C-alpha atoms as a PDB file:
ATOM      1  CA  MET A   1      -0.010   0.052   0.084  1.00  0.00           C
ATOM      2  CA  LYS A   2       1.192   3.520  -0.977  1.00  0.00           C
ATOM      3  CA  LEU A   3       0.520   6.259   1.455  1.00  0.00           C
ATOM      4  CA  LEU A   4       1.022   9.934   0.269  1.00  0.00           C
ATOM      5  CA  THR A   5       0.534  13.461   1.324  1.00  0.00           C
ATOM      6  CA  TYR A   6      -0.594  15.893  -1.196  1.00  0.00           C
ATOM      7  CA  GLN A   7      -2.263  19.294  -1.596  1.00  0.00           C
ATOM      8  CA  TYR A   8      -5.715  19.761  -3.463  1.00  0.00           C
ATOM      9  CA  ASN A   9      -8.034  22.800  -3.410  1.00  0.00           C
ATOM     10  CA  GLY A  10      -5.518  24.633  -1.242  1.00  0.00           C
ATOM     11  CA  SER A  11      -5.528  22.110   1.548  1.00  0.00           C
ATOM     12  CA  GLU A  12      -2.840  19.550   2.592  1.00  0.00           C
ATOM     13  CA  ALA A  13      -4.085  15.942   3.307  1.00  0.00           C
ATOM     14  CA  VAL A  14      -3.178  12.283   3.285  1.00  0.00           C
ATOM     15  CA  GLY A  15      -4.383   9.703   0.808  1.00  0.00           C
ATOM     16  CA  VAL A  16      -3.835   6.210  -0.140  1.00  0.00           C
ATOM     17  CA  LEU A  17      -2.943   5.424  -3.969  1.00  0.00           C
ATOM     18  CA  THR A  18      -5.140   3.022  -5.618  1.00  0.00           C
ATOM     19  CA  GLY A  19      -3.706  -0.191  -7.217  1.00  0.00           C
ATOM     20  CA  THR A  20      -4.141   1.453 -10.587  1.00  0.00           C
ATOM     21  CA  GLY A  21      -1.571   4.351  -9.555  1.00  0.00           C
ATOM     22  CA  ASP A  22      -3.571   6.929 -11.037  1.00  0.00           C
ATOM     23  CA  THR A  23      -6.184   7.708  -8.207  1.00  0.00           C
ATOM     24  CA  ILE A  24      -5.920   9.035  -4.665  1.00  0.00           C
ATOM     25  CA  LEU A  25      -8.233   8.049  -1.898  1.00  0.00           C
ATOM     26  CA  PRO A  26      -8.650  10.724   0.679  1.00  0.00           C
ATOM     27  CA  ILE A  27      -8.425   8.952   4.099  1.00  0.00           C
ATOM     28  CA  THR A  28     -11.019  11.314   5.435  1.00  0.00           C
ATOM     29  CA  ALA A  29     -13.337   9.890   2.842  1.00  0.00           C
ATOM     30  CA  LEU A  30     -12.515   6.558   4.156  1.00  0.00           C
ATOM     31  CA  GLY A  31     -13.377   7.526   7.704  1.00  0.00           C
ATOM     32  CA  LEU A  32     -10.215   8.324   9.036  1.00  0.00           C
ATOM     33  CA  GLY A  33      -9.786  11.806  10.837  1.00  0.00           C
ATOM     34  CA  TYR A  34      -5.888  12.002  10.670  1.00  0.00           C
ATOM     35  CA  ASP A  35      -4.890  15.539   9.228  1.00  0.00           C
ATOM     36  CA  SER A  36      -1.312  14.512   8.640  1.00  0.00           C
ATOM     37  CA  MET A  37       0.950  11.610   7.849  1.00  0.00           C
ATOM     38  CA  ASP A  38       2.747  12.035  11.178  1.00  0.00           C
ATOM     39  CA  ALA A  39      -0.713  11.791  13.024  1.00  0.00           C
ATOM     40  CA  LEU A  40      -1.636   8.623  11.128  1.00  0.00           C
ATOM     41  CA  ILE A  41       1.638   7.025  11.774  1.00  0.00           C
ATOM     42  CA  ARG A  42       1.486   7.604  15.409  1.00  0.00           C
ATOM     43  CA  HIS A  43      -2.118   6.792  16.042  1.00  0.00           C
ATOM     44  CA  VAL A  44      -3.386   4.438  13.291  1.00  0.00           C
ATOM     45  CA  ALA A  45      -4.714   1.088  14.522  1.00  0.00           C
ATOM     46  CA  GLU A  46      -3.962  -2.016  12.702  1.00  0.00           C
ATOM     47  CA  GLU A  47      -7.700  -2.352  11.615  1.00  0.00           C
ATOM     48  CA  GLU A  48      -7.682   1.022  10.119  1.00  0.00           C
ATOM     49  CA  LEU A  49      -4.617   0.196   8.026  1.00  0.00           C
ATOM     50  CA  ALA A  50      -6.433  -3.188   7.037  1.00  0.00           C
ATOM     51  CA  ALA A  51      -9.442  -1.038   5.784  1.00  0.00           C
ATOM     52  CA  LEU A  52      -7.204   1.468   3.823  1.00  0.00           C
ATOM     53  CA  ARG A  53      -5.475  -1.540   2.203  1.00  0.00           C
ATOM     54  CA  THR A  54      -8.795  -3.098   1.215  1.00  0.00           C
ATOM     55  CA  ALA A  55      -9.933   0.152  -0.145  1.00  0.00           C
ATOM     56  CA  ALA A  56      -6.671   0.726  -2.256  1.00  0.00           C
ATOM     57  CA  PHE A  57      -7.110  -2.729  -3.819  1.00  0.00           C
ATOM     58  CA  ALA A  58     -10.764  -2.850  -4.299  1.00  0.00           C
ATOM     59  CA  PRO A  59     -12.633  -2.166  -7.494  1.00  0.00           C
ATOM     60  CA  PRO A  60     -12.184   1.569  -8.567  1.00  0.00           C
ATOM     61  CA  VAL A  61     -14.185   4.115  -6.817  1.00  0.00           C
ATOM     62  CA  ASP A  62     -14.271   8.017  -7.005  1.00  0.00           C
ATOM     63  CA  GLY A  63     -11.193   9.643  -5.933  1.00  0.00           C
ATOM     64  CA  ILE A  64      -8.804  12.359  -6.903  1.00  0.00           C
ATOM     65  CA  PRO A  65      -6.907  12.075 -10.021  1.00  0.00           C
ATOM     66  CA  TYR A  66      -3.221  11.729  -9.154  1.00  0.00           C
ATOM     67  CA  ASP A  67      -2.329  14.115 -11.878  1.00  0.00           C
ATOM     68  CA  ALA A  68      -4.572  16.725 -10.318  1.00  0.00           C
ATOM     69  CA  VAL A  69      -2.777  17.235  -6.963  1.00  0.00           C
ATOM     70  CA  VAL A  70       0.223  19.171  -5.996  1.00  0.00           C
ATOM     71  CA  LYS A  71       2.811  16.778  -4.550  1.00  0.00           C
ATOM     72  CA  THR A  72       4.383  16.985  -1.311  1.00  0.00           C
ATOM     73  CA  ALA A  73       6.777  14.759   0.642  1.00  0.00           C
ATOM     74  CA  PRO A  74       5.112  11.908   2.351  1.00  0.00           C
ATOM     75  CA  ILE A  75       6.157  13.530   5.759  1.00  0.00           C
ATOM     76  CA  PRO A  76       6.651  17.177   4.779  1.00  0.00           C
ATOM     77  CA  GLU A  77       7.854  18.430   8.095  1.00  0.00           C
ATOM     78  CA  PRO A  78       9.627  15.687  10.148  1.00  0.00           C
ATOM     79  CA  ARG A  79       9.189  16.174  13.887  1.00  0.00           C
ATOM     80  CA  GLN A  80      12.624  15.556  14.480  1.00  0.00           C
ATOM     81  CA  ASP A  81      15.913  15.386  12.558  1.00  0.00           C
ATOM     82  CA  VAL A  82      16.432  12.520  10.136  1.00  0.00           C
ATOM     83  CA  ILE A  83      18.921   9.977  11.442  1.00  0.00           C
ATOM     84  CA  CYS A  84      21.315   9.214   8.687  1.00  0.00           C
ATOM     85  CA  LEU A  85      24.145   6.609   8.243  1.00  0.00           C
ATOM     86  CA  GLY A  86      27.328   7.445   6.633  1.00  0.00           C
ATOM     87  CA  TYR A  87      29.474   4.890   4.870  1.00  0.00           C
ATOM     88  CA  ASN A  88      27.061   2.064   5.006  1.00  0.00           C
ATOM     89  CA  TYR A  89      28.022   0.547   1.671  1.00  0.00           C
ATOM     90  CA  LEU A  90      31.653  -0.769   1.269  1.00  0.00           C
ATOM     91  CA  ASP A  91      31.859   0.437  -2.330  1.00  0.00           C
ATOM     92  CA  HIS A  92      31.016   3.825  -1.019  1.00  0.00           C
ATOM     93  CA  VAL A  93      33.684   3.569   1.850  1.00  0.00           C
ATOM     94  CA  ASN A  94      36.200   2.788  -0.801  1.00  0.00           C
ATOM     95  CA  GLU A  95      35.534   5.828  -3.112  1.00  0.00           C
ATOM     96  CA  SER A  96      35.143   8.434  -0.394  1.00  0.00           C
ATOM     97  CA  GLY A  97      38.780   9.265  -0.014  1.00  0.00           C
ATOM     98  CA  ALA A  98      37.991  11.741  -2.972  1.00  0.00           C
ATOM     99  CA  ILE A  99      35.364  13.524  -0.697  1.00  0.00           C
ATOM    100  CA  GLN A 100      37.303  13.486   2.601  1.00  0.00           C
ATOM    101  CA  GLU A 101      40.682  13.918   1.356  1.00  0.00           C
ATOM    102  CA  ALA A 102      41.895  10.974   3.151  1.00  0.00           C
ATOM    103  CA  ALA A 103      42.156   7.230   2.709  1.00  0.00           C
ATOM    104  CA  LEU A 104      39.162   5.255   3.591  1.00  0.00           C
ATOM    105  CA  SER A 105      39.582   1.659   2.580  1.00  0.00           C
ATOM    106  CA  ASP A 106      38.377  -0.425   5.436  1.00  0.00           C
ATOM    107  CA  ALA A 107      34.621  -0.939   6.577  1.00  0.00           C
ATOM    108  CA  PRO A 108      33.903   1.025   9.824  1.00  0.00           C
ATOM    109  CA  ALA A 109      33.516  -1.358  12.858  1.00  0.00           C
ATOM    110  CA  HIS A 110      30.623   0.429  13.988  1.00  0.00           C
ATOM    111  CA  PRO A 111      27.888   2.564  12.304  1.00  0.00           C
ATOM    112  CA  ILE A 112      28.426   6.071  11.630  1.00  0.00           C
ATOM    113  CA  TYR A 113      25.416   8.037  12.556  1.00  0.00           C
ATOM    114  CA  PHE A 114      24.745  11.815  12.022  1.00  0.00           C
ATOM    115  CA  SER A 115      21.468  13.924  11.770  1.00  0.00           C
ATOM    116  CA  LYS A 116      20.130  15.886   8.982  1.00  0.00           C
ATOM    117  CA  ARG A 117      17.959  19.217   9.738  1.00  0.00           C
ATOM    118  CA  VAL A 118      14.802  19.191   7.668  1.00  0.00           C
ATOM    119  CA  ASN A 119      12.636  22.442   7.856  1.00  0.00           C
ATOM    120  CA  ARG A 120      10.412  20.967   5.026  1.00  0.00           C
ATOM    121  CA  ALA A 121      11.107  18.241   2.734  1.00  0.00           C
ATOM    122  CA  VAL A 122      11.191  18.593  -0.976  1.00  0.00           C
ATOM    123  CA  PRO A 123       8.484  16.539  -2.815  1.00  0.00           C
ATOM    124  CA  ASP A 124       8.891  14.432  -5.903  1.00  0.00           C
ATOM    125  CA  GLY A 125       9.006  16.984  -8.818  1.00  0.00           C
ATOM    126  CA  GLY A 126      10.163  19.776  -6.455  1.00  0.00           C
ATOM    127  CA  GLN A 127      13.288  21.864  -6.723  1.00  0.00           C
ATOM    128  CA  ILE A 128      16.676  21.344  -5.077  1.00  0.00           C
ATOM    129  CA  ARG A 129      17.798  24.799  -4.599  1.00  0.00           C
ATOM    130  CA  SER A 130      21.466  25.404  -5.226  1.00  0.00           C
ATOM    131  CA  ARG A 131      23.470  27.970  -3.380  1.00  0.00           C
ATOM    132  CA  PRO A 132      26.655  28.608  -5.356  1.00  0.00           C
ATOM    133  CA  GLU A 133      27.455  31.473  -2.938  1.00  0.00           C
ATOM    134  CA  LEU A 134      27.792  28.875  -0.283  1.00  0.00           C
ATOM    135  CA  ASP A 135      29.151  25.681  -2.097  1.00  0.00           C
ATOM    136  CA  GLU A 136      29.629  24.922  -5.765  1.00  0.00           C
ATOM    137  CA  GLN A 137      30.206  21.153  -4.964  1.00  0.00           C
ATOM    138  CA  LEU A 138      26.461  20.010  -4.733  1.00  0.00           C
ATOM    139  CA  ASP A 139      26.199  16.326  -4.733  1.00  0.00           C
ATOM    140  CA  TYR A 140      23.338  13.702  -4.538  1.00  0.00           C
ATOM    141  CA  GLU A 141      23.115  10.418  -2.392  1.00  0.00           C
ATOM    142  CA  ALA A 142      20.273   8.019  -3.202  1.00  0.00           C
ATOM    143  CA  GLU A 143      19.203   6.199  -0.102  1.00  0.00           C
ATOM    144  CA  LEU A 144      16.556   3.913   1.481  1.00  0.00           C
ATOM    145  CA  ALA A 145      14.711   5.548   4.323  1.00  0.00           C
ATOM    146  CA  VAL A 146      12.910   3.539   6.977  1.00  0.00           C
ATOM    147  CA  ILE A 147       9.925   5.172   8.806  1.00  0.00           C
ATOM    148  CA  ILE A 148       9.463   3.914  12.445  1.00  0.00           C
ATOM    149  CA  GLY A 149       5.802   3.041  13.110  1.00  0.00           C
ATOM    150  CA  ARG A 150       5.672   2.843  17.022  1.00  0.00           C
ATOM    151  CA  ASP A 151       7.932   4.073  19.734  1.00  0.00           C
ATOM    152  CA  ALA A 152      10.881   1.893  19.835  1.00  0.00           C
ATOM    153  CA  LYS A 153      12.983   1.267  23.188  1.00  0.00           C
ATOM    154  CA  ASN A 154      15.380  -1.632  23.727  1.00  0.00           C
ATOM    155  CA  VAL A 155      14.208  -3.620  20.547  1.00  0.00           C
ATOM    156  CA  PRO A 156      16.075  -6.706  19.997  1.00  0.00           C
ATOM    157  CA  ALA A 157      17.342  -7.153  16.410  1.00  0.00           C
ATOM    158  CA  GLU A 158      14.946 -10.036  15.690  1.00  0.00           C
ATOM    159  CA  GLN A 159      11.804  -7.892  16.522  1.00  0.00           C
ATOM    160  CA  ALA A 160      13.002  -4.754  14.564  1.00  0.00           C
ATOM    161  CA  ALA A 161      10.701  -5.563  11.643  1.00  0.00           C
ATOM    162  CA  ASP A 162       7.699  -5.047  13.966  1.00  0.00           C
ATOM    163  CA  TYR A 163       8.478  -1.489  14.533  1.00  0.00           C
ATOM    164  CA  ILE A 164       8.689  -0.612  10.762  1.00  0.00           C
ATOM    165  CA  PHE A 165       5.781   1.418   9.414  1.00  0.00           C
ATOM    166  CA  GLY A 166       7.172   1.774   5.820  1.00  0.00           C
ATOM    167  CA  TYR A 167       9.804   2.789   3.595  1.00  0.00           C
ATOM    168  CA  THR A 168      10.524   5.723   1.136  1.00  0.00           C
ATOM    169  CA  ILE A 169      13.134   7.245  -0.804  1.00  0.00           C
ATOM    170  CA  VAL A 170      15.468   9.988   0.342  1.00  0.00           C
ATOM    171  CA  ASN A 171      18.038  11.952  -1.682  1.00  0.00           C
ATOM    172  CA  ASP A 172      20.741  13.090   0.916  1.00  0.00           C
ATOM    173  CA  ILE A 173      21.778  16.279  -0.912  1.00  0.00           C
ATOM    174  CA  SER A 174      25.195  17.380   0.191  1.00  0.00           C
ATOM    175  CA  ALA A 175      27.491  20.386  -0.061  1.00  0.00           C
ATOM    176  CA  ARG A 176      30.871  18.887  -0.107  1.00  0.00           C
ATOM    177  CA  THR A 177      32.619  21.956   0.362  1.00  0.00           C
ATOM    178  CA  LEU A 178      31.020  22.700   3.638  1.00  0.00           C
ATOM    179  CA  GLN A 179      31.290  19.148   4.744  1.00  0.00           C
ATOM    180  CA  VAL A 180      35.167  19.086   4.438  1.00  0.00           C
ATOM    181  CA  ARG A 181      35.647  22.512   5.593  1.00  0.00           C
ATOM    182  CA  HIS A 182      33.645  21.820   8.858  1.00  0.00           C
ATOM    183  CA  GLY A 183      34.943  18.162   9.325  1.00  0.00           C
ATOM    184  CA  GLN A 184      31.421  16.996   9.969  1.00  0.00           C
ATOM    185  CA  PHE A 185      28.100  16.267   8.117  1.00  0.00           C
ATOM    186  CA  TYR A 186      25.427  18.389   9.717  1.00  0.00           C
ATOM    187  CA  PHE A 187      25.791  21.820   8.272  1.00  0.00           C
ATOM    188  CA  GLY A 188      26.515  20.705   4.564  1.00  0.00           C
ATOM    189  CA  LYS A 189      23.749  18.322   4.570  1.00  0.00           C
ATOM    190  CA  SER A 190      21.244  20.512   6.303  1.00  0.00           C
ATOM    191  CA  LEU A 191      20.533  23.262   4.098  1.00  0.00           C
ATOM    192  CA  ASP A 192      17.180  24.135   3.078  1.00  0.00           C
ATOM    193  CA  ASP A 193      15.720  22.115   0.225  1.00  0.00           C
ATOM    194  CA  PHE A 194      18.448  19.384   0.841  1.00  0.00           C
ATOM    195  CA  THR A 195      16.046  16.449   1.559  1.00  0.00           C
ATOM    196  CA  PRO A 196      13.970  15.468  -1.274  1.00  0.00           C
ATOM    197  CA  MET A 197      11.899  12.563   0.021  1.00  0.00           C
ATOM    198  CA  GLY A 198       9.027  10.507  -1.592  1.00  0.00           C
ATOM    199  CA  PRO A 199       7.094  10.023  -3.731  1.00  0.00           C
ATOM    200  CA  TRP A 200       5.280   8.168  -0.938  1.00  0.00           C
ATOM    201  CA  ILE A 201       5.671   5.691   1.825  1.00  0.00           C
ATOM    202  CA  VAL A 202       5.360   2.015   0.851  1.00  0.00           C
ATOM    203  CA  THR A 203       3.970   0.097   3.974  1.00  0.00           C
ATOM    204  CA  ALA A 204       6.082  -2.477   5.360  1.00  0.00           C
ATOM    205  CA  ASP A 205       3.872  -5.370   4.522  1.00  0.00           C
ATOM    206  CA  GLU A 206       4.699  -4.821   0.960  1.00  0.00           C
ATOM    207  CA  VAL A 207       8.479  -5.265   1.296  1.00  0.00           C
ATOM    208  CA  ASP A 208      10.244  -8.528   2.392  1.00  0.00           C
ATOM    209  CA  PHE A 209      12.415  -8.053   5.356  1.00  0.00           C
ATOM    210  CA  PRO A 210      15.243  -7.499   5.245  1.00  0.00           C
ATOM    211  CA  PRO A 211      14.685  -5.595   1.932  1.00  0.00           C
ATOM    212  CA  LYS A 212      16.664  -6.606  -0.790  1.00  0.00           C
ATOM    213  CA  LEU A 213      15.941  -3.802  -3.277  1.00  0.00           C
ATOM    214  CA  ALA A 214      17.745  -2.472  -6.410  1.00  0.00           C
ATOM    215  CA  LEU A 215      18.877   1.012  -5.871  1.00  0.00           C
ATOM    216  CA  ARG A 216      19.875   3.466  -8.665  1.00  0.00           C
ATOM    217  CA  SER A 217      20.423   7.041  -9.270  1.00  0.00           C
ATOM    218  CA  PHE A 218      20.486   8.971 -12.441  1.00  0.00           C
ATOM    219  CA  VAL A 219      21.812  12.444 -13.432  1.00  0.00           C
ATOM    220  CA  ASN A 220      20.211  13.905 -16.654  1.00  0.00           C
ATOM    221  CA  GLY A 221      19.287  10.176 -17.659  1.00  0.00           C
ATOM    222  CA  GLU A 222      22.949   8.857 -16.965  1.00  0.00           C
ATOM    223  CA  LEU A 223      23.285   5.929 -14.620  1.00  0.00           C
ATOM    224  CA  ARG A 224      25.391   7.121 -11.592  1.00  0.00           C
ATOM    225  CA  GLN A 225      24.569   4.558  -8.708  1.00  0.00           C
ATOM    226  CA  ASN A 226      23.692   1.062  -9.164  1.00  0.00           C
ATOM    227  CA  SER A 227      23.449  -1.036  -6.145  1.00  0.00           C
ATOM    228  CA  ASN A 228      20.977  -3.024  -3.905  1.00  0.00           C
ATOM    229  CA  THR A 229      20.094  -2.440  -0.245  1.00  0.00           C
ATOM    230  CA  GLU A 230      21.165  -6.052   0.674  1.00  0.00           C
ATOM    231  CA  HIS A 231      24.915  -4.636   0.516  1.00  0.00           C
ATOM    232  CA  MET A 232      24.477  -2.534   3.500  1.00  0.00           C
ATOM    233  CA  LEU A 233      27.175  -2.958   5.971  1.00  0.00           C
ATOM    234  CA  PHE A 234      25.009  -2.528   9.049  1.00  0.00           C
ATOM    235  CA  SER A 235      21.391  -4.060   8.407  1.00  0.00           C
ATOM    236  CA  ILE A 236      18.233  -2.059   9.317  1.00  0.00           C
ATOM    237  CA  ALA A 237      17.578  -4.635  12.224  1.00  0.00           C
ATOM    238  CA  TYR A 238      21.084  -3.857  13.609  1.00  0.00           C
ATOM    239  CA  ILE A 239      20.511  -0.101  13.297  1.00  0.00           C
ATOM    240  CA  ILE A 240      17.149  -0.209  15.035  1.00  0.00           C
ATOM    241  CA  ALA A 241      18.417  -2.342  17.797  1.00  0.00           C
ATOM    242  CA  GLU A 242      21.443  -0.392  18.601  1.00  0.00           C
ATOM    243  CA  LEU A 243      19.853   2.895  18.483  1.00  0.00           C
ATOM    244  CA  SER A 244      16.932   1.907  20.509  1.00  0.00           C
ATOM    245  CA  ALA A 245      19.226   0.442  23.158  1.00  0.00           C
ATOM    246  CA  GLY A 246      20.308   4.092  24.000  1.00  0.00           C
ATOM    247  CA  MET A 247      17.438   6.309  22.821  1.00  0.00           C
ATOM    248  CA  THR A 248      13.774   6.104  22.006  1.00  0.00           C
ATOM    249  CA  LEU A 249      12.942   6.249  18.329  1.00  0.00           C
ATOM    250  CA  LYS A 250       9.588   7.808  18.449  1.00  0.00           C
ATOM    251  CA  ALA A 251       6.885   6.788  15.779  1.00  0.00           C
ATOM    252  CA  GLY A 252       7.396   8.701  12.695  1.00  0.00           C
ATOM    253  CA  THR A 253      11.198   8.713  12.983  1.00  0.00           C
ATOM    254  CA  ILE A 254      13.032   8.669   9.579  1.00  0.00           C
ATOM    255  CA  ILE A 255      16.212   6.753   9.142  1.00  0.00           C
ATOM    256  CA  ALA A 256      18.204   7.123   5.985  1.00  0.00           C
ATOM    257  CA  THR A 257      20.265   4.050   5.615  1.00  0.00           C
ATOM    258  CA  GLY A 258      23.279   5.191   3.442  1.00  0.00           C
ATOM    259  CA  THR A 259      24.205   5.427   0.129  1.00  0.00           C
ATOM    260  CA  PRO A 260      26.325   3.306  -2.214  1.00  0.00           C
ATOM    261  CA  ALA A 261      29.077   4.190  -4.700  1.00  0.00           C
ATOM    262  CA  GLY A 262      28.698   6.571  -7.524  1.00  0.00           C
ATOM    263  CA  VAL A 263      28.383   9.987  -5.980  1.00  0.00           C
ATOM    264  CA  GLY A 264      29.445  12.952  -8.085  1.00  0.00           C
ATOM    265  CA  ALA A 265      32.400  13.810  -5.838  1.00  0.00           C
ATOM    266  CA  ALA A 266      33.998  10.393  -6.428  1.00  0.00           C
ATOM    267  CA  LEU A 267      33.915  10.551 -10.132  1.00  0.00           C
ATOM    268  CA  ASN A 268      36.957  11.218 -12.055  1.00  0.00           C
ATOM    269  CA  PRO A 269      36.787  14.066 -12.798  1.00  0.00           C
ATOM    270  CA  PRO A 270      34.250  14.935 -10.155  1.00  0.00           C
ATOM    271  CA  GLN A 271      30.819  15.791 -11.486  1.00  0.00           C
ATOM    272  CA  PHE A 272      28.713  18.063  -9.353  1.00  0.00           C
ATOM    273  CA  LEU A 273      25.202  19.141  -9.609  1.00  0.00           C
ATOM    274  CA  LYS A 274      24.360  22.481 -11.352  1.00  0.00           C
ATOM    275  CA  ALA A 275      21.274  24.421 -12.188  1.00  0.00           C
ATOM    276  CA  GLY A 276      19.098  22.718 -14.475  1.00  0.00           C
ATOM    277  CA  ASP A 277      20.294  19.239 -13.715  1.00  0.00           C
ATOM    278  CA  VAL A 278      17.628  16.433 -13.192  1.00  0.00           C
ATOM    279  CA  VAL A 279      18.404  13.858 -10.427  1.00  0.00           C
ATOM    280  CA  GLU A 280      16.404  10.693 -10.204  1.00  0.00           C
ATOM    281  CA  CYS A 281      16.523   8.221  -7.292  1.00  0.00           C
ATOM    282  CA  VAL A 282      14.949   4.859  -8.166  1.00  0.00           C
ATOM    283  CA  ILE A 283      14.363   2.028  -5.581  1.00  0.00           C
ATOM    284  CA  GLN A 284      12.664  -1.121  -6.667  1.00  0.00           C
ATOM    285  CA  GLY A 285       9.070  -1.622  -5.223  1.00  0.00           C
ATOM    286  CA  ILE A 286       8.980   1.922  -3.980  1.00  0.00           C
ATOM    287  CA  GLY A 287       9.254   4.114  -7.087  1.00  0.00           C
ATOM    288  CA  ARG A 288      11.063   7.104  -8.572  1.00  0.00           C
ATOM    289  CA  LEU A 289      12.032  10.390  -6.716  1.00  0.00           C
ATOM    290  CA  ARG A 290      12.653  12.972  -9.497  1.00  0.00           C
ATOM    291  CA  ASN A 291      13.919  16.474  -8.714  1.00  0.00           C
ATOM    292  CA  THR A 292      15.484  19.538 -10.781  1.00  0.00           C
ATOM    293  CA  VAL A 293      18.279  21.542  -9.310  1.00  0.00           C
ATOM    294  CA  GLY A 294      17.486  25.405  -9.492  1.00  0.00           C
END
């Protein structure tokens, strides 16, 4: 089931995409009163999700044409910073000396976590605003994002899947000059419009666990990244278990699980994003997140 946030007739609402992919059923029309995706994730009951799933795959009913809405990110304004992983694919570790100006050839012994500030996430079709006055080395990172479905504390790895609401795509846009200058990730990855997300959330019941999904990115139609989420160094179960041992992962928490090789900074010569470029992040079973650099 695909759940999405959208704007229609000036109002922002949550809906479920029908199986045909061309119609949105507003959840309010299906008897659910949640006014945001965050509220739905935090409070929805299993029987309500089952009713949404039935409606999505039932014979077509009246709804809103998907092409008639204004797209928004599935969680437009996350309640907390996105939790991100660095160097979670070995091939990206091996290429990252070009970014950090240091030799990085060994897999990290432990996950590398950082957070990413998101005032408002950029939707599918939205614009990634470049800031050449701050940094001319703008880069892309296609990532599978995990959405936590209920408060998670001290979760054993073997139970981690029970705490996942669903999955979406995040493009972890990065300003590489700022990243190197400051010696950390936060500022260079947290500028406004640096978190494209979407196009929707695919609920966890639609994805085998652990996910083994082809992940690719394209710039102006050219394939840049081509991997599979099964190649993560630290699995989603491991990540949830380790983090929840020390902090409560609130329902609605977004975890971006890292990016594989092929980022622009590591190409020879480097190929950074510029105004007019079109970036597409594609994950099997989830969809395509397409954005233009402005």
